Amino acid sequence: EEAGYQDAWAAVGSGWPNTFPNEAPLLRIDYQWSAADLVPLRGRVVASEHSDHRMVICDYGIPEADGAGRGKGGEGHILVMWAGAGS
């Protein structure tokens, strides 16, 4: 956070945030950090069949930019990212 990134799940996540171990998650050790040019919209943690960690899945809005690359305040495309579960 000191480097200008935000914890996406803490900003918009819902549900139980812990990710390890997958069977009975007691620790939150998987995160998604996003820079100011990505706007977190939704976040959730889901169980995985292929890892001992649960996945952190977040949807991000990518602000539209004007010709100079500056955001206009509206949201453009949506980017979905995940962490944990072998990624």
Protein backbone atom coordinates (compact mmCIF):
# COMPACT_ATOMS: atom_id res chain seq x y z
CA GLU A 1 0.00 0.00 0.00
CA GLU A 2 2.89 2.37 0.68
CA ALA A 3 3.98 1.92 -2.95
CA GLY A 4 0.63 3.24 -4.22
CA TYR A 5 -1.09 -0.11 -4.71
CA GLN A 6 -4.35 -1.10 -3.11
CA ASP A 7 -5.53 -4.45 -1.82
CA ALA A 8 -8.37 -5.15 -4.25
CA TRP A 9 -10.19 -7.63 -2.02
CA ALA A 10 -10.08 -5.27 0.97
CA ALA A 11 -11.55 -2.52 -1.23
CA VAL A 12 -14.46 -4.43 -2.79
CA GLY A 13 -14.32 -8.08 -1.73
CA SER A 14 -17.18 -10.05 -0.30
CA GLY A 15 -17.30 -13.25 1.70
CA TRP A 16 -14.54 -14.97 3.64
CA PRO A 17 -11.10 -13.58 2.61
CA ASN A 18 -8.84 -16.38 3.85
CA THR A 19 -7.13 -18.56 1.24
CA PHE A 20 -5.00 -21.19 2.99
CA PRO A 21 -5.36 -24.07 3.37
CA ASN A 22 -8.01 -24.72 0.74
CA GLU A 23 -9.92 -27.28 2.85
CA ALA A 24 -10.40 -24.98 5.87
CA PRO A 25 -8.85 -21.57 5.20
CA LEU A 26 -7.55 -19.95 8.36
CA LEU A 27 -4.94 -17.62 6.81
CA ARG A 28 -5.18 -14.88 4.24
CA ILE A 29 -1.91 -15.22 2.35
CA ASP A 30 -3.00 -14.61 -1.28
CA TYR A 31 -3.65 -11.05 -2.43
CA GLN A 32 -4.23 -8.98 -5.52
CA TRP A 33 -2.64 -5.55 -5.47
CA SER A 34 -3.76 -3.06 -8.10
CA ALA A 35 -2.35 0.24 -9.28
CA ALA A 36 -4.41 3.40 -9.53
CA ASP A 37 -5.11 2.83 -13.26
CA LEU A 38 -7.22 -0.26 -12.42
CA VAL A 39 -10.48 0.22 -10.54
CA PRO A 40 -11.49 -2.83 -8.46
CA LEU A 41 -15.20 -3.57 -8.96
CA ARG A 42 -15.78 -6.96 -7.30
CA GLY A 43 -13.70 -9.51 -5.42
CA ARG A 44 -14.26 -13.00 -4.09
CA VAL A 45 -12.37 -16.04 -2.88
CA VAL A 46 -13.29 -19.46 -4.27
CA ALA A 47 -12.19 -23.02 -3.54
CA SER A 48 -9.89 -24.77 -5.99
CA GLU A 49 -9.63 -28.39 -7.05
CA HIS A 50 -5.98 -28.06 -8.09
CA SER A 51 -4.19 -26.32 -5.25
CA ASP A 52 -3.87 -26.11 -1.50
CA HIS A 53 -4.78 -22.38 -1.80
CA ARG A 54 -8.13 -20.82 -2.66
CA MET A 55 -8.28 -18.42 -5.61
CA VAL A 56 -8.71 -14.67 -5.23
CA ILE A 57 -10.78 -13.48 -8.19
CA CYS A 58 -11.25 -9.76 -8.84
CA ASP A 59 -12.95 -7.83 -11.60
CA TYR A 60 -11.38 -4.51 -12.55
CA GLY A 61 -12.63 -1.57 -14.55
CA ILE A 62 -10.15 0.06 -16.89
CA PRO A 63 -10.96 3.78 -17.05
CA GLU A 64 -11.48 5.15 -20.53
CA ALA A 65 -8.72 7.46 -21.65
CA ASP A 66 -8.82 10.56 -23.79
CA GLY A 67 -6.35 10.99 -26.65
CA ALA A 68 -3.57 11.96 -24.23
CA GLY A 69 -4.01 8.78 -22.18
CA ARG A 70 -5.75 10.52 -19.29
CA GLY A 71 -8.75 8.89 -17.66
CA LYS A 72 -12.12 10.55 -18.21
CA GLY A 73 -13.59 9.13 -15.02
CA GLY A 74 -15.82 6.59 -16.77
CA GLU A 75 -15.08 2.91 -16.75
CA GLY A 76 -14.20 1.17 -19.97
CA HIS A 77 -13.35 -2.48 -20.27
CA ILE A 78 -13.42 -5.05 -17.48
CA LEU A 79 -10.39 -7.16 -16.70
CA VAL A 80 -10.72 -10.30 -14.56
CA MET A 81 -7.66 -11.53 -12.68
CA TRP A 82 -7.04 -14.32 -10.22
CA ALA A 83 -4.27 -15.28 -7.83
CA GLY A 84 -3.44 -18.41 -5.91
CA ALA A 85 -4.47 -21.94 -6.86
CA GLY A 86 -1.30 -22.58 -8.81
CA SER A 87 -1.20 -19.28 -10.72
